[in-house]
Structures are given as structure tokens and as C-alpha cells.
């Protein structure tokens, strides 16, 4: 019985009994959290974060989790850059370069949650293939990491992105250049 005192049903379809019991246990944790207003335990939170969209929709229909919002890459990046009133004009230009690279590779309509670790690595390799210098690639990956960190902090806890897993390391310029 939900917090509104009505009995609601979540249909799983054709699944093994053990899987159904496991989901039932998780749903009971969600229900207890919703009823008492207490936070979810870490394990249940991770389970919700890793659910596919269809299952999240079923749980959202019975008010156990919030509906997932699919923020599009182009709209988010544009809004983020405009909202950064603390940046200098040249920083906005550099942000624009990274925005252009991300939108060219993924497309403006790509949902942020659909960017997986492998795809993020492919984006980085695409920058290398374009002939950009190592530090330029690293800097753009760092800026992309900044963008996606902002998306994570500004959205529901169910959102995941893989750009924050990039490791950053700047190398000194080659000795052959004149300084």
C-alpha cells in the first residue's frame, strides 16, 4: 500500500520467481522510503540508477521514483555556457570549441544519459584523429568533464555520465618549440 493508502501494482512481465522476489524487495525499500520520508539505502539507490527506462517508468507510474528527464546535449550545453556569468569572454570561446566538438560528434539531440564510457572514449579518440595537440585534447576532455559534472549536480540522482571518469594529465610542450 502506497503513501496515499491505495494499493498499486507494478507488472514485471515474464520473469523468473527469484528475479520477481528481488524486485519486490527493492520496491518494498522504495515504498518504506517514500512512506517514512527517509533516504534510500545505497544499494537500492544504485539499483534504481541502473534500471532501464521502461522499469523506471513503471516505478514512476506508482510514485516510487521520479520520472527521468531526458536532457538533450545541445540544449544543456548552450544553457550551461550562457549561465556561466563568471567566465571571461575568451573562456566562453574555449567552452564553445568543446561544445562544438561534442555536438558535432554526438548530435544536439543526444540524451545526456545515453553517453556511455565507450562512446565518451570514442569522442576523445575522434579529437585525436582530427589532429589536435595532446594538451588540446586533454583540455577539451577536461571541459567536457566539467560540463557533465554540472549536469550530474543539476539533475536527478538517477542520471549517470561517464565523462567524469576521464583522467586528466597535462604534458609540457615539446622542447622543439620556441618559447
C-alpha atoms as a PDB file:
ATOM      1  CA  UNK A   1       0.000   0.000   0.000  1.00  0.00           C
ATOM      2  CA  UNK A   2       1.405   3.361  -1.026  1.00  0.00           C
ATOM      3  CA  UNK A   3       1.693   6.587   0.948  1.00  0.00           C
ATOM      4  CA  UNK A   4      -1.695   7.609  -0.463  1.00  0.00           C
ATOM      5  CA  UNK A   5      -3.221   4.474   1.150  1.00  0.00           C
ATOM      6  CA  UNK A   6      -4.045   2.919  -2.251  1.00  0.00           C
ATOM      7  CA  UNK A   7      -2.741  -0.442  -3.430  1.00  0.00           C
ATOM      8  CA  UNK A   8      -0.853  -0.112  -6.699  1.00  0.00           C
ATOM      9  CA  UNK A   9       0.628  -2.765  -8.978  1.00  0.00           C
ATOM     10  CA  UNK A  10       3.932  -2.965 -10.807  1.00  0.00           C
ATOM     11  CA  UNK A  11       3.826  -5.587 -13.546  1.00  0.00           C
ATOM     12  CA  UNK A  12       7.138  -7.198 -14.398  1.00  0.00           C
ATOM     13  CA  UNK A  13       6.054  -9.472 -17.207  1.00  0.00           C
ATOM     14  CA  UNK A  14       7.517 -12.947 -17.664  1.00  0.00           C
ATOM     15  CA  UNK A  15      10.452 -13.116 -15.232  1.00  0.00           C
ATOM     16  CA  UNK A  16      11.776 -15.934 -13.020  1.00  0.00           C
ATOM     17  CA  UNK A  17      10.382 -16.167  -9.493  1.00  0.00           C
ATOM     18  CA  UNK A  18      13.729 -15.241  -7.882  1.00  0.00           C
ATOM     19  CA  UNK A  19      14.046 -12.115 -10.006  1.00  0.00           C
ATOM     20  CA  UNK A  20      10.480 -11.113  -9.114  1.00  0.00           C
ATOM     21  CA  UNK A  21      11.215 -11.591  -5.404  1.00  0.00           C
ATOM     22  CA  UNK A  22      14.365  -9.498  -5.697  1.00  0.00           C
ATOM     23  CA  UNK A  23      12.426  -6.680  -7.391  1.00  0.00           C
ATOM     24  CA  UNK A  24       9.703  -6.996  -4.751  1.00  0.00           C
ATOM     25  CA  UNK A  25      12.279  -6.496  -2.000  1.00  0.00           C
ATOM     26  CA  UNK A  26      13.659  -3.385  -3.728  1.00  0.00           C
ATOM     27  CA  UNK A  27      10.155  -1.996  -4.215  1.00  0.00           C
ATOM     28  CA  UNK A  28       9.475  -2.538  -0.510  1.00  0.00           C
ATOM     29  CA  UNK A  29      12.606  -0.477   0.267  1.00  0.00           C
ATOM     30  CA  UNK A  30      11.381   2.272  -2.092  1.00  0.00           C
ATOM     31  CA  UNK A  31       7.931   2.181  -0.502  1.00  0.00           C
ATOM     32  CA  UNK A  32       9.348   2.384   3.030  1.00  0.00           C
ATOM     33  CA  UNK A  33      11.475   5.349   1.995  1.00  0.00           C
ATOM     34  CA  UNK A  34       8.511   7.109   0.365  1.00  0.00           C
ATOM     35  CA  UNK A  35       6.231   6.438   3.336  1.00  0.00           C
ATOM     36  CA  UNK A  36       8.643   7.477   6.078  1.00  0.00           C
ATOM     37  CA  UNK A  37      10.484  10.182   4.158  1.00  0.00           C
ATOM     38  CA  UNK A  38      13.806   8.564   4.968  1.00  0.00           C
ATOM     39  CA  UNK A  39      16.611   8.428   2.392  1.00  0.00           C
ATOM     40  CA  UNK A  40      17.211   5.329   0.305  1.00  0.00           C
ATOM     41  CA  UNK A  41      19.986   2.985   1.284  1.00  0.00           C
ATOM     42  CA  UNK A  42      22.993   2.998  -1.055  1.00  0.00           C
ATOM     43  CA  UNK A  43      22.268  -0.402  -2.569  1.00  0.00           C
ATOM     44  CA  UNK A  44      18.687   0.489  -3.526  1.00  0.00           C
ATOM     45  CA  UNK A  45      19.835   3.854  -4.872  1.00  0.00           C
ATOM     46  CA  UNK A  46      22.389   2.132  -7.120  1.00  0.00           C
ATOM     47  CA  UNK A  47      19.722  -0.353  -8.234  1.00  0.00           C
ATOM     48  CA  UNK A  48      17.390   2.494  -9.242  1.00  0.00           C
ATOM     49  CA  UNK A  49      20.219   4.323 -11.021  1.00  0.00           C
ATOM     50  CA  UNK A  50      20.999   1.234 -13.108  1.00  0.00           C
ATOM     51  CA  UNK A  51      17.404   0.440 -14.096  1.00  0.00           C
ATOM     52  CA  UNK A  52      16.368   0.725 -17.719  1.00  0.00           C
ATOM     53  CA  UNK A  53      13.913   3.437 -18.721  1.00  0.00           C
ATOM     54  CA  UNK A  54      10.965   1.029 -19.024  1.00  0.00           C
ATOM     55  CA  UNK A  55      11.261  -0.124 -15.406  1.00  0.00           C
ATOM     56  CA  UNK A  56      11.761   3.434 -14.145  1.00  0.00           C
ATOM     57  CA  UNK A  57       8.559   4.424 -15.956  1.00  0.00           C
ATOM     58  CA  UNK A  58       6.690   1.604 -14.176  1.00  0.00           C
ATOM     59  CA  UNK A  59       8.010   2.704 -10.799  1.00  0.00           C
ATOM     60  CA  UNK A  60       7.315   6.366 -11.561  1.00  0.00           C
ATOM     61  CA  UNK A  61       3.732   5.489 -12.512  1.00  0.00           C
ATOM     62  CA  UNK A  62       3.152   4.325  -8.922  1.00  0.00           C
ATOM     63  CA  UNK A  63       5.046   7.313  -7.443  1.00  0.00           C
ATOM     64  CA  UNK A  64       8.017   5.342  -6.107  1.00  0.00           C
ATOM     65  CA  UNK A  65      10.694   7.202  -8.096  1.00  0.00           C
ATOM     66  CA  UNK A  66      10.684  10.481 -10.018  1.00  0.00           C
ATOM     67  CA  UNK A  67      10.284  10.333 -13.787  1.00  0.00           C
ATOM     68  CA  UNK A  68      13.534  10.518 -15.670  1.00  0.00           C
ATOM     69  CA  UNK A  69      14.009  13.607 -17.716  1.00  0.00           C
ATOM     70  CA  UNK A  70      15.985  13.237 -20.885  1.00  0.00           C
ATOM     71  CA  UNK A  71      18.010  16.389 -21.238  1.00  0.00           C
ATOM     72  CA  UNK A  72      19.410  16.865 -24.711  1.00  0.00           C
ATOM     73  CA  UNK A  73      23.101  17.559 -25.139  1.00  0.00           C
ATOM     74  CA  UNK A  74      22.827  20.676 -27.325  1.00  0.00           C
ATOM     75  CA  UNK A  75      20.250  22.416 -25.154  1.00  0.00           C
ATOM     76  CA  UNK A  76      22.122  21.621 -21.953  1.00  0.00           C
ATOM     77  CA  UNK A  77      25.496  22.842 -23.245  1.00  0.00           C
ATOM     78  CA  UNK A  78      24.032  26.055 -24.601  1.00  0.00           C
ATOM     79  CA  UNK A  79      22.197  26.777 -21.355  1.00  0.00           C
ATOM     80  CA  UNK A  80      25.263  25.931 -19.257  1.00  0.00           C
ATOM     81  CA  UNK A  81      27.588  28.224 -21.188  1.00  0.00           C
ATOM     82  CA  UNK A  82      25.077  31.104 -21.108  1.00  0.00           C
ATOM     83  CA  UNK A  83      24.506  30.595 -17.375  1.00  0.00           C
ATOM     84  CA  UNK A  84      28.221  30.859 -16.593  1.00  0.00           C
ATOM     85  CA  UNK A  85      28.286  34.599 -15.975  1.00  0.00           C
ATOM     86  CA  UNK A  86      31.528  34.253 -14.014  1.00  0.00           C
ATOM     87  CA  UNK A  87      33.640  33.470 -17.083  1.00  0.00           C
ATOM     88  CA  UNK A  88      35.683  35.787 -19.229  1.00  0.00           C
ATOM     89  CA  UNK A  89      34.955  36.158 -22.958  1.00  0.00           C
ATOM     90  CA  UNK A  90      37.933  34.002 -24.009  1.00  0.00           C
ATOM     91  CA  UNK A  91      36.816  31.229 -21.648  1.00  0.00           C
ATOM     92  CA  UNK A  92      33.431  31.253 -23.361  1.00  0.00           C
ATOM     93  CA  UNK A  93      35.208  30.862 -26.693  1.00  0.00           C
ATOM     94  CA  UNK A  94      37.116  27.834 -25.365  1.00  0.00           C
ATOM     95  CA  UNK A  95      33.859  26.398 -23.964  1.00  0.00           C
ATOM     96  CA  UNK A  96      32.360  26.934 -27.414  1.00  0.00           C
ATOM     97  CA  UNK A  97      35.108  24.838 -29.029  1.00  0.00           C
ATOM     98  CA  UNK A  98      34.330  21.917 -26.714  1.00  0.00           C
ATOM     99  CA  UNK A  99      30.589  22.399 -27.204  1.00  0.00           C
ATOM    100  CA  UNK A 100      31.083  22.322 -30.988  1.00  0.00           C
ATOM    101  CA  UNK A 101      33.147  19.119 -30.770  1.00  0.00           C
ATOM    102  CA  UNK A 102      30.571  17.404 -28.552  1.00  0.00           C
ATOM    103  CA  UNK A 103      27.592  18.438 -30.695  1.00  0.00           C
ATOM    104  CA  UNK A 104      29.348  17.524 -33.959  1.00  0.00           C
ATOM    105  CA  UNK A 105      30.162  14.061 -32.645  1.00  0.00           C
ATOM    106  CA  UNK A 106      27.027  13.170 -30.663  1.00  0.00           C
ATOM    107  CA  UNK A 107      24.413  15.432 -32.231  1.00  0.00           C
ATOM    108  CA  UNK A 108      22.451  18.155 -30.467  1.00  0.00           C
ATOM    109  CA  UNK A 109      19.501  15.819 -29.796  1.00  0.00           C
ATOM    110  CA  UNK A 110      21.519  13.121 -27.994  1.00  0.00           C
ATOM    111  CA  UNK A 111      20.181  12.470 -24.493  1.00  0.00           C
ATOM    112  CA  UNK A 112      22.849  13.046 -21.858  1.00  0.00           C
ATOM    113  CA  UNK A 113      22.147   9.706 -20.179  1.00  0.00           C
ATOM    114  CA  UNK A 114      22.902   7.837 -23.418  1.00  0.00           C
ATOM    115  CA  UNK A 115      26.562   8.844 -23.372  1.00  0.00           C
ATOM    116  CA  UNK A 116      28.360   5.733 -22.129  1.00  0.00           C
ATOM    117  CA  UNK A 117      32.021   5.184 -21.227  1.00  0.00           C
ATOM    118  CA  UNK A 118      32.817   3.628 -24.593  1.00  0.00           C
ATOM    119  CA  UNK A 119      31.167   6.427 -26.535  1.00  0.00           C
ATOM    120  CA  UNK A 120      32.983   9.043 -24.448  1.00  0.00           C
ATOM    121  CA  UNK A 121      36.286   7.300 -25.239  1.00  0.00           C
ATOM    122  CA  UNK A 122      35.392   7.293 -28.939  1.00  0.00           C
ATOM    123  CA  UNK A 123      34.745  11.042 -28.744  1.00  0.00           C
ATOM    124  CA  UNK A 124      38.198  11.544 -27.266  1.00  0.00           C
ATOM    125  CA  UNK A 125      39.771   9.384 -29.983  1.00  0.00           C
ATOM    126  CA  UNK A 126      37.869  11.420 -32.569  1.00  0.00           C
ATOM    127  CA  UNK A 127      39.567  14.558 -31.231  1.00  0.00           C
ATOM    128  CA  UNK A 128      42.949  12.847 -31.605  1.00  0.00           C
ATOM    129  CA  UNK A 129      42.040  11.755 -35.139  1.00  0.00           C
ATOM    130  CA  UNK A 130      41.254  15.377 -36.018  1.00  0.00           C
ATOM    131  CA  UNK A 131      44.928  16.121 -35.411  1.00  0.00           C
ATOM    132  CA  UNK A 132      44.512  18.205 -32.280  1.00  0.00           C
ATOM    133  CA  UNK A 133      47.537  18.511 -29.995  1.00  0.00           C
ATOM    134  CA  UNK A 134      47.678  16.258 -26.933  1.00  0.00           C
ATOM    135  CA  UNK A 135      47.137  19.108 -24.492  1.00  0.00           C
ATOM    136  CA  UNK A 136      44.235  20.461 -26.558  1.00  0.00           C
ATOM    137  CA  UNK A 137      42.576  17.030 -26.429  1.00  0.00           C
ATOM    138  CA  UNK A 138      43.189  16.808 -22.695  1.00  0.00           C
ATOM    139  CA  UNK A 139      41.847  20.318 -22.118  1.00  0.00           C
ATOM    140  CA  UNK A 140      38.686  19.655 -24.138  1.00  0.00           C
ATOM    141  CA  UNK A 141      38.144  16.404 -22.248  1.00  0.00           C
ATOM    142  CA  UNK A 142      38.559  18.356 -19.017  1.00  0.00           C
ATOM    143  CA  UNK A 143      35.989  20.910 -20.114  1.00  0.00           C
ATOM    144  CA  UNK A 144      33.609  18.114 -21.171  1.00  0.00           C
ATOM    145  CA  UNK A 145      34.134  16.591 -17.732  1.00  0.00           C
ATOM    146  CA  UNK A 146      33.212  19.966 -16.211  1.00  0.00           C
ATOM    147  CA  UNK A 147      30.043  20.148 -18.342  1.00  0.00           C
ATOM    148  CA  UNK A 148      28.911  16.671 -17.364  1.00  0.00           C
ATOM    149  CA  UNK A 149      29.739  17.187 -13.697  1.00  0.00           C
ATOM    150  CA  UNK A 150      27.442  20.220 -13.791  1.00  0.00           C
ATOM    151  CA  UNK A 151      24.744  18.099 -15.435  1.00  0.00           C
ATOM    152  CA  UNK A 152      25.025  15.495 -12.687  1.00  0.00           C
ATOM    153  CA  UNK A 153      24.791  18.065  -9.894  1.00  0.00           C
ATOM    154  CA  UNK A 154      21.855  19.793 -11.541  1.00  0.00           C
ATOM    155  CA  UNK A 155      19.735  16.722 -12.235  1.00  0.00           C
ATOM    156  CA  UNK A 156      18.150  13.757 -10.525  1.00  0.00           C
ATOM    157  CA  UNK A 157      20.350  11.168  -8.789  1.00  0.00           C
ATOM    158  CA  UNK A 158      19.346   8.662 -11.471  1.00  0.00           C
ATOM    159  CA  UNK A 159      21.441  10.469 -14.084  1.00  0.00           C
ATOM    160  CA  UNK A 160      24.815   8.977 -14.875  1.00  0.00           C
ATOM    161  CA  UNK A 161      27.537  10.139 -17.207  1.00  0.00           C
ATOM    162  CA  UNK A 162      30.904   8.692 -17.910  1.00  0.00           C
ATOM    163  CA  UNK A 163      32.940  11.791 -18.704  1.00  0.00           C
ATOM    164  CA  UNK A 164      33.881  12.278 -15.024  1.00  0.00           C
ATOM    165  CA  UNK A 165      35.900   9.036 -15.260  1.00  0.00           C
ATOM    166  CA  UNK A 166      38.430  10.640 -17.636  1.00  0.00           C
ATOM    167  CA  UNK A 167      41.820  11.110 -16.029  1.00  0.00           C
ATOM    168  CA  UNK A 168      43.479  14.418 -16.766  1.00  0.00           C
ATOM    169  CA  UNK A 169      47.209  14.948 -17.165  1.00  0.00           C
ATOM    170  CA  UNK A 170      48.803  17.866 -18.967  1.00  0.00           C
ATOM    171  CA  UNK A 171      52.194  17.401 -20.566  1.00  0.00           C
ATOM    172  CA  UNK A 172      54.739  20.134 -21.081  1.00  0.00           C
ATOM    173  CA  UNK A 173      55.130  21.478 -24.616  1.00  0.00           C
ATOM    174  CA  UNK A 174      57.728  19.787 -26.795  1.00  0.00           C
ATOM    175  CA  UNK A 175      61.238  21.156 -26.457  1.00  0.00           C
ATOM    176  CA  UNK A 176      61.466  21.872 -30.172  1.00  0.00           C
ATOM    177  CA  UNK A 177      59.177  24.882 -29.961  1.00  0.00           C
ATOM    178  CA  UNK A 178      60.442  28.387 -29.468  1.00  0.00           C
ATOM    179  CA  UNK A 179      59.228  29.970 -26.271  1.00  0.00           C
END
